[in-house]
Amino acid sequence: MISRLRASLMSTMSQLVEEVRVSKQMPSRAVARAIREDAGVSQKRLAEELGVHPVTVARWELGMRRPRGRTSIAYAEILEALRQEIAK
């Protein structure tokens, strides 16, 4: 019982640390939008990939909202992958 609780706590801590790491590396909203546009990806397509509504992506890019939790991690990973593809 205690080992399962400890494992659960460690998993939660790992997730939290990952979210903090990603939030520090997240590009600005203007850069995020530029990466997406330069890659030729629509807000709708990005939203589908992340499992969110296209309005949500628009709000992130306008600075009205910020992605949170696992979505922020996925968003940062996609942006980084797109950035690398653009740089090729």
N, C-alpha and C. Protein backbone atom coordinates (compact mmCIF):
# COMPACT_ATOMS: atom_id res chain seq x y z
N MET A 1 0.82 -1.20 0.00
CA MET A 1 0.00 0.00 0.00
C MET A 1 0.86 1.26 0.00
N ILE A 2 1.84 1.32 0.88
CA ILE A 2 2.69 2.49 0.97
C ILE A 2 3.53 2.64 -0.30
N SER A 3 4.00 1.52 -0.86
CA SER A 3 4.82 1.61 -2.07
C SER A 3 3.98 2.11 -3.26
N ARG A 4 2.70 1.74 -3.32
CA ARG A 4 1.84 2.24 -4.40
C ARG A 4 1.59 3.73 -4.22
N LEU A 5 1.40 4.16 -3.00
CA LEU A 5 1.20 5.57 -2.71
C LEU A 5 2.45 6.37 -3.07
N ARG A 6 3.60 5.85 -2.70
CA ARG A 6 4.87 6.50 -3.02
C ARG A 6 5.06 6.58 -4.53
N ALA A 7 4.75 5.52 -5.25
CA ALA A 7 4.88 5.51 -6.72
C ALA A 7 3.94 6.54 -7.34
N SER A 8 2.74 6.64 -6.81
CA SER A 8 1.78 7.61 -7.31
C SER A 8 2.26 9.03 -7.07
N LEU A 9 2.80 9.28 -5.90
CA LEU A 9 3.34 10.60 -5.57
C LEU A 9 4.51 10.95 -6.47
N MET A 10 5.41 10.00 -6.72
CA MET A 10 6.55 10.25 -7.59
C MET A 10 6.09 10.54 -9.01
N SER A 11 5.08 9.85 -9.47
CA SER A 11 4.54 10.10 -10.81
C SER A 11 3.96 11.51 -10.90
N THR A 12 3.23 11.91 -9.88
CA THR A 12 2.64 13.25 -9.84
C THR A 12 3.73 14.30 -9.81
N MET A 13 4.76 14.07 -9.03
CA MET A 13 5.88 15.02 -8.95
C MET A 13 6.60 15.12 -10.28
N SER A 14 6.79 13.98 -10.94
CA SER A 14 7.46 13.99 -12.25
C SER A 14 6.65 14.79 -13.25
N GLN A 15 5.34 14.62 -13.23
CA GLN A 15 4.46 15.36 -14.12
C GLN A 15 4.56 16.86 -13.84
N LEU A 16 4.55 17.22 -12.58
CA LEU A 16 4.63 18.63 -12.19
C LEU A 16 5.96 19.24 -12.64
N VAL A 17 7.05 18.53 -12.41
CA VAL A 17 8.36 19.02 -12.80
C VAL A 17 8.43 19.18 -14.32
N GLU A 18 7.88 18.24 -15.05
CA GLU A 18 7.85 18.32 -16.51
C GLU A 18 7.05 19.53 -16.98
N GLU A 19 5.91 19.78 -16.35
CA GLU A 19 5.09 20.94 -16.71
C GLU A 19 5.85 22.25 -16.47
N VAL A 20 6.57 22.34 -15.37
CA VAL A 20 7.34 23.54 -15.07
C VAL A 20 8.46 23.70 -16.09
N ARG A 21 9.16 22.63 -16.40
CA ARG A 21 10.24 22.67 -17.38
C ARG A 21 9.73 23.15 -18.73
N VAL A 22 8.62 22.61 -19.16
CA VAL A 22 8.04 22.98 -20.45
C VAL A 22 7.58 24.43 -20.45
N SER A 23 6.96 24.87 -19.37
CA SER A 23 6.46 26.25 -19.33
C SER A 23 7.61 27.25 -19.45
N LYS A 24 8.78 26.90 -18.94
CA LYS A 24 9.93 27.79 -19.05
C LYS A 24 10.50 27.80 -20.47
N GLN A 25 10.28 26.72 -21.22
CA GLN A 25 10.82 26.62 -22.57
C GLN A 25 9.79 26.96 -23.64
N MET A 26 8.56 27.20 -23.26
CA MET A 26 7.50 27.49 -24.22
C MET A 26 7.82 28.80 -24.94
N PRO A 27 7.76 28.77 -26.28
CA PRO A 27 8.01 30.02 -26.99
C PRO A 27 6.89 31.03 -26.71
N SER A 28 7.19 32.30 -26.97
CA SER A 28 6.15 33.32 -26.80
C SER A 28 5.00 33.02 -27.74
N ARG A 29 3.86 33.62 -27.48
CA ARG A 29 2.68 33.36 -28.32
C ARG A 29 2.93 33.76 -29.76
N ALA A 30 3.65 34.86 -29.98
CA ALA A 30 3.94 35.30 -31.35
C ALA A 30 4.85 34.31 -32.06
N VAL A 31 5.85 33.80 -31.35
CA VAL A 31 6.76 32.82 -31.94
C VAL A 31 6.03 31.51 -32.20
N ALA A 32 5.18 31.10 -31.27
CA ALA A 32 4.41 29.86 -31.46
C ALA A 32 3.54 29.96 -32.71
N ARG A 33 2.89 31.09 -32.88
CA ARG A 33 2.05 31.29 -34.06
C ARG A 33 2.90 31.29 -35.33
N ALA A 34 4.04 31.96 -35.29
CA ALA A 34 4.92 32.01 -36.45
C ALA A 34 5.42 30.61 -36.83
N ILE A 35 5.76 29.81 -35.84
CA ILE A 35 6.20 28.43 -36.10
C ILE A 35 5.08 27.67 -36.80
N ARG A 36 3.89 27.76 -36.25
CA ARG A 36 2.75 27.04 -36.83
C ARG A 36 2.49 27.50 -38.26
N GLU A 37 2.46 28.81 -38.47
CA GLU A 37 2.18 29.34 -39.81
C GLU A 37 3.30 29.00 -40.80
N ASP A 38 4.55 29.12 -40.38
CA ASP A 38 5.67 28.79 -41.26
C ASP A 38 5.67 27.32 -41.66
N ALA A 39 5.13 26.48 -40.79
CA ALA A 39 5.05 25.05 -41.08
C ALA A 39 3.82 24.73 -41.93
N GLY A 40 2.96 25.73 -42.15
CA GLY A 40 1.77 25.51 -42.96
C GLY A 40 0.69 24.72 -42.25
N VAL A 41 0.66 24.81 -40.93
CA VAL A 41 -0.32 24.08 -40.13
C VAL A 41 -1.40 25.04 -39.68
N SER A 42 -2.65 24.67 -39.89
CA SER A 42 -3.77 25.52 -39.47
C SER A 42 -4.03 25.35 -37.97
N GLN A 43 -4.72 26.32 -37.40
CA GLN A 43 -5.12 26.19 -36.00
C GLN A 43 -6.02 24.98 -35.83
N LYS A 44 -6.86 24.73 -36.81
CA LYS A 44 -7.77 23.58 -36.73
C LYS A 44 -6.99 22.27 -36.68
N ARG A 45 -5.99 22.14 -37.54
CA ARG A 45 -5.19 20.90 -37.58
C ARG A 45 -4.41 20.71 -36.29
N LEU A 46 -3.82 21.79 -35.79
CA LEU A 46 -3.08 21.71 -34.53
C LEU A 46 -4.02 21.33 -33.39
N ALA A 47 -5.20 21.93 -33.38
CA ALA A 47 -6.18 21.62 -32.34
C ALA A 47 -6.58 20.15 -32.38
N GLU A 48 -6.79 19.62 -33.58
CA GLU A 48 -7.13 18.20 -33.72
C GLU A 48 -6.04 17.32 -33.14
N GLU A 49 -4.80 17.67 -33.43
CA GLU A 49 -3.66 16.89 -32.94
C GLU A 49 -3.59 16.91 -31.41
N LEU A 50 -3.95 18.04 -30.83
CA LEU A 50 -3.87 18.19 -29.37
C LEU A 50 -5.15 17.79 -28.64
N GLY A 51 -6.23 17.55 -29.39
CA GLY A 51 -7.49 17.18 -28.76
C GLY A 51 -8.19 18.35 -28.09
N VAL A 52 -8.01 19.55 -28.66
CA VAL A 52 -8.68 20.73 -28.13
C VAL A 52 -9.46 21.40 -29.26
N HIS A 53 -10.25 22.39 -28.93
CA HIS A 53 -11.03 23.13 -29.92
C HIS A 53 -10.13 24.15 -30.61
N PRO A 54 -10.35 24.42 -31.90
CA PRO A 54 -9.54 25.43 -32.59
C PRO A 54 -9.56 26.80 -31.91
N VAL A 55 -10.66 27.14 -31.28
CA VAL A 55 -10.73 28.42 -30.56
C VAL A 55 -9.72 28.44 -29.41
N THR A 56 -9.47 27.30 -28.82
CA THR A 56 -8.49 27.20 -27.75
C THR A 56 -7.11 27.58 -28.26
N VAL A 57 -6.73 27.04 -29.42
CA VAL A 57 -5.43 27.38 -30.01
C VAL A 57 -5.37 28.87 -30.31
N ALA A 58 -6.44 29.42 -30.86
CA ALA A 58 -6.49 30.86 -31.15
C ALA A 58 -6.30 31.67 -29.88
N ARG A 59 -6.92 31.25 -28.80
CA ARG A 59 -6.78 31.97 -27.53
C ARG A 59 -5.36 31.90 -26.99
N TRP A 60 -4.70 30.76 -27.18
CA TRP A 60 -3.30 30.65 -26.77
C TRP A 60 -2.46 31.65 -27.55
N GLU A 61 -2.69 31.70 -28.86
CA GLU A 61 -1.89 32.56 -29.72
C GLU A 61 -2.19 34.05 -29.51
N LEU A 62 -3.37 34.35 -29.01
CA LEU A 62 -3.73 35.73 -28.69
C LEU A 62 -3.32 36.14 -27.28
N GLY A 63 -2.87 35.18 -26.50
CA GLY A 63 -2.46 35.46 -25.13
C GLY A 63 -3.62 35.52 -24.15
N MET A 64 -4.78 35.06 -24.58
CA MET A 64 -5.95 35.08 -23.70
C MET A 64 -5.94 33.91 -22.72
N ARG A 65 -5.31 32.84 -23.11
CA ARG A 65 -5.22 31.62 -22.29
C ARG A 65 -3.83 31.02 -22.50
N ARG A 66 -3.50 30.06 -21.63
CA ARG A 66 -2.25 29.32 -21.76
C ARG A 66 -2.58 27.83 -21.67
N PRO A 67 -1.88 27.02 -22.45
CA PRO A 67 -2.10 25.57 -22.31
C PRO A 67 -1.62 25.12 -20.94
N ARG A 68 -2.28 24.10 -20.41
CA ARG A 68 -1.92 23.61 -19.08
C ARG A 68 -1.75 22.10 -19.09
N GLY A 69 -1.06 21.63 -18.08
CA GLY A 69 -0.91 20.20 -17.87
C GLY A 69 -0.28 19.48 -19.04
N ARG A 70 -0.79 18.30 -19.31
CA ARG A 70 -0.25 17.47 -20.39
C ARG A 70 -0.41 18.13 -21.74
N THR A 71 -1.45 18.95 -21.88
CA THR A 71 -1.64 19.65 -23.15
C THR A 71 -0.49 20.61 -23.41
N SER A 72 0.00 21.28 -22.38
CA SER A 72 1.13 22.20 -22.58
C SER A 72 2.38 21.44 -23.00
N ILE A 73 2.57 20.27 -22.45
CA ILE A 73 3.72 19.45 -22.82
C ILE A 73 3.61 19.02 -24.28
N ALA A 74 2.44 18.54 -24.67
CA ALA A 74 2.23 18.11 -26.06
C ALA A 74 2.38 19.29 -27.02
N TYR A 75 1.84 20.46 -26.64
CA TYR A 75 1.92 21.65 -27.47
C TYR A 75 3.38 22.05 -27.67
N ALA A 76 4.15 22.07 -26.61
CA ALA A 76 5.56 22.44 -26.70
C ALA A 76 6.33 21.44 -27.57
N GLU A 77 6.02 20.16 -27.43
CA GLU A 77 6.70 19.14 -28.23
C GLU A 77 6.37 19.29 -29.71
N ILE A 78 5.11 19.57 -30.02
CA ILE A 78 4.72 19.77 -31.42
C ILE A 78 5.40 21.00 -31.99
N LEU A 79 5.39 22.09 -31.25
CA LEU A 79 6.04 23.31 -31.73
C LEU A 79 7.53 23.07 -31.98
N GLU A 80 8.19 22.36 -31.10
CA GLU A 80 9.61 22.08 -31.28
C GLU A 80 9.84 21.22 -32.52
N ALA A 81 9.00 20.21 -32.72
CA ALA A 81 9.13 19.37 -33.90
C ALA A 81 8.90 20.17 -35.18
N LEU A 82 7.90 21.04 -35.17
CA LEU A 82 7.64 21.90 -36.33
C LEU A 82 8.81 22.84 -36.58
N ARG A 83 9.34 23.42 -35.51
CA ARG A 83 10.48 24.33 -35.63
C ARG A 83 11.67 23.62 -36.27
N GLN A 84 11.92 22.40 -35.85
CA GLN A 84 13.03 21.63 -36.41
C GLN A 84 12.80 21.31 -37.89
N GLU A 85 11.56 21.00 -38.26
CA GLU A 85 11.25 20.73 -39.66
C GLU A 85 11.44 21.97 -40.52
N ILE A 86 11.05 23.13 -40.00
CA ILE A 86 11.20 24.38 -40.73
C ILE A 86 12.69 24.68 -40.96
N ALA A 87 13.51 24.38 -39.97
CA ALA A 87 14.94 24.69 -40.02
C ALA A 87 15.70 23.82 -41.02
N LYS A 88 15.12 22.72 -41.45
CA LYS A 88 15.82 21.81 -42.39
C LYS A 88 15.98 22.43 -43.74
